[in-house]
C-alpha atoms as a PDB file:
ATOM      1  CA  UNK A   1       0.107  -0.182  -0.122  1.00  0.00           C
ATOM      2  CA  UNK A   2       1.473   3.409  -0.963  1.00  0.00           C
ATOM      3  CA  UNK A   3       2.309   5.891   1.710  1.00  0.00           C
ATOM      4  CA  UNK A   4       1.870   9.790   1.350  1.00  0.00           C
ATOM      5  CA  UNK A   5       3.947  12.126   3.354  1.00  0.00           C
ATOM      6  CA  UNK A   6       3.089  15.809   3.758  1.00  0.00           C
ATOM      7  CA  UNK A   7       5.910  18.108   4.788  1.00  0.00           C
ATOM      8  CA  UNK A   8       4.790  21.667   3.447  1.00  0.00           C
ATOM      9  CA  UNK A   9       3.919  24.713   5.474  1.00  0.00           C
ATOM     10  CA  UNK A  10       0.076  24.591   5.926  1.00  0.00           C
ATOM     11  CA  UNK A  11      -1.162  22.654   8.985  1.00  0.00           C
ATOM     12  CA  UNK A  12      -3.021  20.043   7.046  1.00  0.00           C
ATOM     13  CA  UNK A  13      -4.554  19.264   3.586  1.00  0.00           C
ATOM     14  CA  UNK A  14      -7.780  17.194   2.439  1.00  0.00           C
ATOM     15  CA  UNK A  15      -7.671  15.832  -1.063  1.00  0.00           C
ATOM     16  CA  UNK A  16     -11.152  14.339  -1.911  1.00  0.00           C
ATOM     17  CA  UNK A  17     -11.699  12.650   1.303  1.00  0.00           C
ATOM     18  CA  UNK A  18      -8.110  11.824   2.209  1.00  0.00           C
ATOM     19  CA  UNK A  19      -6.834  14.085   4.995  1.00  0.00           C
ATOM     20  CA  UNK A  20      -3.124  14.465   5.808  1.00  0.00           C
ATOM     21  CA  UNK A  21      -1.394  16.898   8.426  1.00  0.00           C
ATOM     22  CA  UNK A  22       1.853  18.570   8.351  1.00  0.00           C
ATOM     23  CA  UNK A  23       4.802  16.108   8.869  1.00  0.00           C
ATOM     24  CA  UNK A  24       2.374  13.012   8.754  1.00  0.00           C
ATOM     25  CA  UNK A  25       2.801  10.025   6.747  1.00  0.00           C
ATOM     26  CA  UNK A  26      -0.529   7.884   5.966  1.00  0.00           C
ATOM     27  CA  UNK A  27      -1.350   4.844   4.035  1.00  0.00           C
ATOM     28  CA  UNK A  28      -3.601   5.322   1.032  1.00  0.00           C
ATOM     29  CA  UNK A  29      -4.945   2.610  -1.533  1.00  0.00           C
ATOM     30  CA  UNK A  30      -3.928   2.518  -4.952  1.00  0.00           C
ATOM     31  CA  UNK A  31      -7.354   3.590  -5.966  1.00  0.00           C
ATOM     32  CA  UNK A  32      -7.230   6.625  -3.618  1.00  0.00           C
ATOM     33  CA  UNK A  33      -3.836   7.575  -4.666  1.00  0.00           C
ATOM     34  CA  UNK A  34      -4.984   7.600  -8.410  1.00  0.00           C
ATOM     35  CA  UNK A  35      -8.223   9.468  -7.497  1.00  0.00           C
ATOM     36  CA  UNK A  36      -6.455  12.262  -5.441  1.00  0.00           C
ATOM     37  CA  UNK A  37      -3.596  12.643  -7.931  1.00  0.00           C
ATOM     38  CA  UNK A  38      -5.997  13.901 -10.374  1.00  0.00           C
ATOM     39  CA  UNK A  39      -6.345  17.123  -8.307  1.00  0.00           C
ATOM     40  CA  UNK A  40      -4.397  20.448  -8.903  1.00  0.00           C
ATOM     41  CA  UNK A  41      -3.579  21.078  -5.530  1.00  0.00           C
ATOM     42  CA  UNK A  42      -2.073  17.435  -4.790  1.00  0.00           C
ATOM     43  CA  UNK A  43      -0.211  17.640  -8.129  1.00  0.00           C
ATOM     44  CA  UNK A  44       1.430  21.270  -7.191  1.00  0.00           C
ATOM     45  CA  UNK A  45       2.483  19.900  -3.780  1.00  0.00           C
ATOM     46  CA  UNK A  46       3.925  16.630  -5.497  1.00  0.00           C
ATOM     47  CA  UNK A  47       5.674  18.714  -7.799  1.00  0.00           C
ATOM     48  CA  UNK A  48       7.126  21.065  -5.393  1.00  0.00           C
ATOM     49  CA  UNK A  49       8.257  18.349  -2.959  1.00  0.00           C
ATOM     50  CA  UNK A  50       5.699  19.046  -0.355  1.00  0.00           C
ATOM     51  CA  UNK A  51       4.129  15.714  -0.803  1.00  0.00           C
ATOM     52  CA  UNK A  52       6.120  12.398  -1.293  1.00  0.00           C
ATOM     53  CA  UNK A  53       4.837   9.000  -2.406  1.00  0.00           C
ATOM     54  CA  UNK A  54       6.350   5.815  -1.102  1.00  0.00           C
ATOM     55  CA  UNK A  55       5.900   2.222  -0.783  1.00  0.00           C
ATOM     56  CA  UNK A  56       5.198   0.602   2.310  1.00  0.00           C
ATOM     57  CA  UNK A  57       8.397  -1.047   3.937  1.00  0.00           C
ATOM     58  CA  UNK A  58       7.572  -3.147   6.838  1.00  0.00           C
ATOM     59  CA  UNK A  59      10.498  -4.496   8.597  1.00  0.00           C
ATOM     60  CA  UNK A  60      10.034  -8.421   9.816  1.00  0.00           C
ATOM     61  CA  UNK A  61      11.634  -9.772  12.804  1.00  0.00           C
ATOM     62  CA  UNK A  62      12.085 -13.161  11.011  1.00  0.00           C
ATOM     63  CA  UNK A  63      15.239 -13.699   9.107  1.00  0.00           C
ATOM     64  CA  UNK A  64      14.793 -12.945   5.585  1.00  0.00           C
ATOM     65  CA  UNK A  65      12.290 -10.196   5.965  1.00  0.00           C
ATOM     66  CA  UNK A  66      14.401  -7.452   4.726  1.00  0.00           C
ATOM     67  CA  UNK A  67      15.170  -9.524   1.518  1.00  0.00           C
ATOM     68  CA  UNK A  68      11.353  -9.908   0.889  1.00  0.00           C
ATOM     69  CA  UNK A  69      10.841  -6.127   1.226  1.00  0.00           C
ATOM     70  CA  UNK A  70      13.761  -5.351  -1.023  1.00  0.00           C
ATOM     71  CA  UNK A  71      12.064  -7.623  -3.568  1.00  0.00           C
ATOM     72  CA  UNK A  72       8.804  -5.787  -3.340  1.00  0.00           C
ATOM     73  CA  UNK A  73      10.408  -2.441  -3.839  1.00  0.00           C
ATOM     74  CA  UNK A  74      12.514  -3.752  -6.828  1.00  0.00           C
ATOM     75  CA  UNK A  75       9.203  -5.316  -8.219  1.00  0.00           C
ATOM     76  CA  UNK A  76       7.553  -2.122  -7.616  1.00  0.00           C
ATOM     77  CA  UNK A  77      10.226  -0.144  -9.203  1.00  0.00           C
ATOM     78  CA  UNK A  78      10.177  -2.340 -12.255  1.00  0.00           C
ATOM     79  CA  UNK A  79       6.426  -1.870 -12.638  1.00  0.00           C
ATOM     80  CA  UNK A  80       6.757   1.731 -12.385  1.00  0.00           C
ATOM     81  CA  UNK A  81       9.480   2.006 -14.987  1.00  0.00           C
ATOM     82  CA  UNK A  82       7.522  -0.344 -17.238  1.00  0.00           C
ATOM     83  CA  UNK A  83       4.504   1.919 -17.189  1.00  0.00           C
ATOM     84  CA  UNK A  84       6.719   4.826 -17.991  1.00  0.00           C
ATOM     85  CA  UNK A  85       8.317   3.354 -20.904  1.00  0.00           C
ATOM     86  CA  UNK A  86       5.077   2.199 -22.055  1.00  0.00           C
ATOM     87  CA  UNK A  87       3.608   5.727 -22.044  1.00  0.00           C
ATOM     88  CA  UNK A  88       6.923   6.886 -23.810  1.00  0.00           C
ATOM     89  CA  UNK A  89       8.243   9.020 -20.862  1.00  0.00           C
ATOM     90  CA  UNK A  90      11.890   9.065 -20.310  1.00  0.00           C
ATOM     91  CA  UNK A  91      13.543   8.877 -17.027  1.00  0.00           C
ATOM     92  CA  UNK A  92      17.255   8.431 -15.447  1.00  0.00           C
ATOM     93  CA  UNK A  93      18.340   5.003 -14.181  1.00  0.00           C
ATOM     94  CA  UNK A  94      19.328   6.490 -11.100  1.00  0.00           C
ATOM     95  CA  UNK A  95      15.937   8.203 -10.248  1.00  0.00           C
ATOM     96  CA  UNK A  96      14.139   7.106  -6.871  1.00  0.00           C
ATOM     97  CA  UNK A  97      11.031   5.341  -6.959  1.00  0.00           C
ATOM     98  CA  UNK A  98       9.408   8.539  -5.304  1.00  0.00           C
ATOM     99  CA  UNK A  99      10.445  10.463  -8.360  1.00  0.00           C
ATOM    100  CA  UNK A 100       9.270   8.001 -10.776  1.00  0.00           C
ATOM    101  CA  UNK A 101       5.829   7.604  -9.087  1.00  0.00           C
ATOM    102  CA  UNK A 102       5.510  11.277  -9.272  1.00  0.00           C
ATOM    103  CA  UNK A 103       6.239  11.373 -13.090  1.00  0.00           C
ATOM    104  CA  UNK A 104       3.711   8.368 -13.646  1.00  0.00           C
ATOM    105  CA  UNK A 105       1.116  10.318 -11.547  1.00  0.00           C
ATOM    106  CA  UNK A 106       1.483  13.495 -13.511  1.00  0.00           C
ATOM    107  CA  UNK A 107       1.348  11.468 -16.730  1.00  0.00           C
ATOM    108  CA  UNK A 108      -1.964   9.882 -16.175  1.00  0.00           C
ATOM    109  CA  UNK A 109      -3.534  13.534 -15.514  1.00  0.00           C
END
Protein backbone atom coordinates (compact mmCIF):
# COMPACT_ATOMS: atom_id res chain seq x y z
CA UNK A 1 0.00 0.00 0.00
CA UNK A 2 1.47 3.39 -0.95
CA UNK A 3 2.29 5.97 1.70
CA UNK A 4 1.93 9.72 1.37
CA UNK A 5 4.05 12.10 3.43
CA UNK A 6 3.24 15.80 3.75
CA UNK A 7 6.01 18.17 4.83
CA UNK A 8 4.69 21.53 3.57
CA UNK A 9 4.06 24.72 5.46
CA UNK A 10 0.26 24.41 5.87
CA UNK A 11 -1.17 22.65 8.94
CA UNK A 12 -3.08 20.07 6.92
CA UNK A 13 -4.67 19.26 3.58
CA UNK A 14 -7.70 17.29 2.48
CA UNK A 15 -7.68 15.71 -0.95
CA UNK A 16 -11.04 14.35 -2.03
CA UNK A 17 -11.69 12.86 1.41
CA UNK A 18 -8.09 11.88 2.21
CA UNK A 19 -6.74 14.09 5.01
CA UNK A 20 -3.09 14.53 5.93
CA UNK A 21 -1.43 16.79 8.49
CA UNK A 22 1.95 18.49 8.46
CA UNK A 23 4.74 15.99 9.10
CA UNK A 24 2.34 13.08 8.83
CA UNK A 25 2.73 9.91 6.75
CA UNK A 26 -0.44 8.00 5.91
CA UNK A 27 -1.30 4.80 4.06
CA UNK A 28 -3.58 5.18 1.06
CA UNK A 29 -5.01 2.60 -1.28
CA UNK A 30 -3.86 2.57 -4.88
CA UNK A 31 -7.39 3.56 -5.92
CA UNK A 32 -7.37 6.55 -3.54
CA UNK A 33 -3.93 7.59 -4.75
CA UNK A 34 -5.08 7.51 -8.38
CA UNK A 35 -8.19 9.52 -7.49
CA UNK A 36 -6.47 12.25 -5.48
CA UNK A 37 -3.52 12.51 -7.88
CA UNK A 38 -5.90 14.00 -10.46
CA UNK A 39 -6.37 17.13 -8.32
CA UNK A 40 -4.44 20.31 -9.11
CA UNK A 41 -3.52 21.02 -5.48
CA UNK A 42 -2.16 17.50 -4.94
CA UNK A 43 -0.18 17.68 -8.20
CA UNK A 44 1.29 21.06 -7.28
CA UNK A 45 2.36 19.85 -3.83
CA UNK A 46 3.83 16.68 -5.34
CA UNK A 47 5.79 18.71 -7.90
CA UNK A 48 7.08 21.10 -5.23
CA UNK A 49 8.21 18.21 -3.02
CA UNK A 50 5.82 19.07 -0.16
CA UNK A 51 4.15 15.70 -0.73
CA UNK A 52 6.08 12.52 -1.39
CA UNK A 53 4.78 9.10 -2.33
CA UNK A 54 6.54 5.99 -1.09
CA UNK A 55 6.00 2.29 -0.77
CA UNK A 56 5.28 0.58 2.53
CA UNK A 57 8.42 -1.01 3.91
CA UNK A 58 7.50 -3.20 6.86
CA UNK A 59 10.42 -4.72 8.70
CA UNK A 60 9.83 -8.32 9.70
CA UNK A 61 11.55 -9.74 12.74
CA UNK A 62 12.16 -13.06 11.03
CA UNK A 63 15.31 -13.67 9.05
CA UNK A 64 14.87 -12.83 5.40
CA UNK A 65 12.19 -10.22 5.98
CA UNK A 66 14.44 -7.47 4.72
CA UNK A 67 15.16 -9.35 1.52
CA UNK A 68 11.45 -9.79 0.96
CA UNK A 69 10.87 -6.04 1.30
CA UNK A 70 13.76 -5.31 -1.04
CA UNK A 71 12.19 -7.65 -3.61
CA UNK A 72 8.83 -5.87 -3.27
CA UNK A 73 10.53 -2.50 -3.74
CA UNK A 74 12.43 -3.81 -6.77
CA UNK A 75 9.18 -5.17 -8.22
CA UNK A 76 7.40 -1.86 -7.62
CA UNK A 77 10.27 0.03 -9.24
CA UNK A 78 10.22 -2.29 -12.25
CA UNK A 79 6.45 -1.86 -12.61
CA UNK A 80 6.66 1.94 -12.48
CA UNK A 81 9.52 1.97 -15.00
CA UNK A 82 7.56 -0.33 -17.30
CA UNK A 83 4.49 1.92 -17.17
CA UNK A 84 6.59 5.02 -17.86
CA UNK A 85 8.32 3.31 -20.78
CA UNK A 86 4.97 2.17 -22.17
CA UNK A 87 3.74 5.78 -22.02
CA UNK A 88 6.89 7.00 -23.78
CA UNK A 89 8.16 8.95 -20.77
CA UNK A 90 11.91 9.08 -20.29
CA UNK A 91 13.67 8.80 -16.95
CA UNK A 92 17.18 8.38 -15.57
CA UNK A 93 18.27 4.97 -14.27
CA UNK A 94 19.28 6.51 -10.94
CA UNK A 95 15.92 8.19 -10.19
CA UNK A 96 14.29 7.11 -6.94
CA UNK A 97 10.97 5.28 -6.99
CA UNK A 98 9.27 8.31 -5.44
CA UNK A 99 10.43 10.52 -8.34
CA UNK A 100 9.29 7.96 -10.90
CA UNK A 101 5.91 7.57 -9.20
CA UNK A 102 5.46 11.35 -9.28
CA UNK A 103 6.18 11.35 -13.03
CA UNK A 104 3.70 8.55 -13.52
CA UNK A 105 0.99 10.34 -11.55
CA UNK A 106 1.52 13.51 -13.59
CA UNK A 107 1.49 11.61 -16.86
CA UNK A 108 -1.85 10.00 -16.04
CA UNK A 109 -3.56 13.35 -15.50
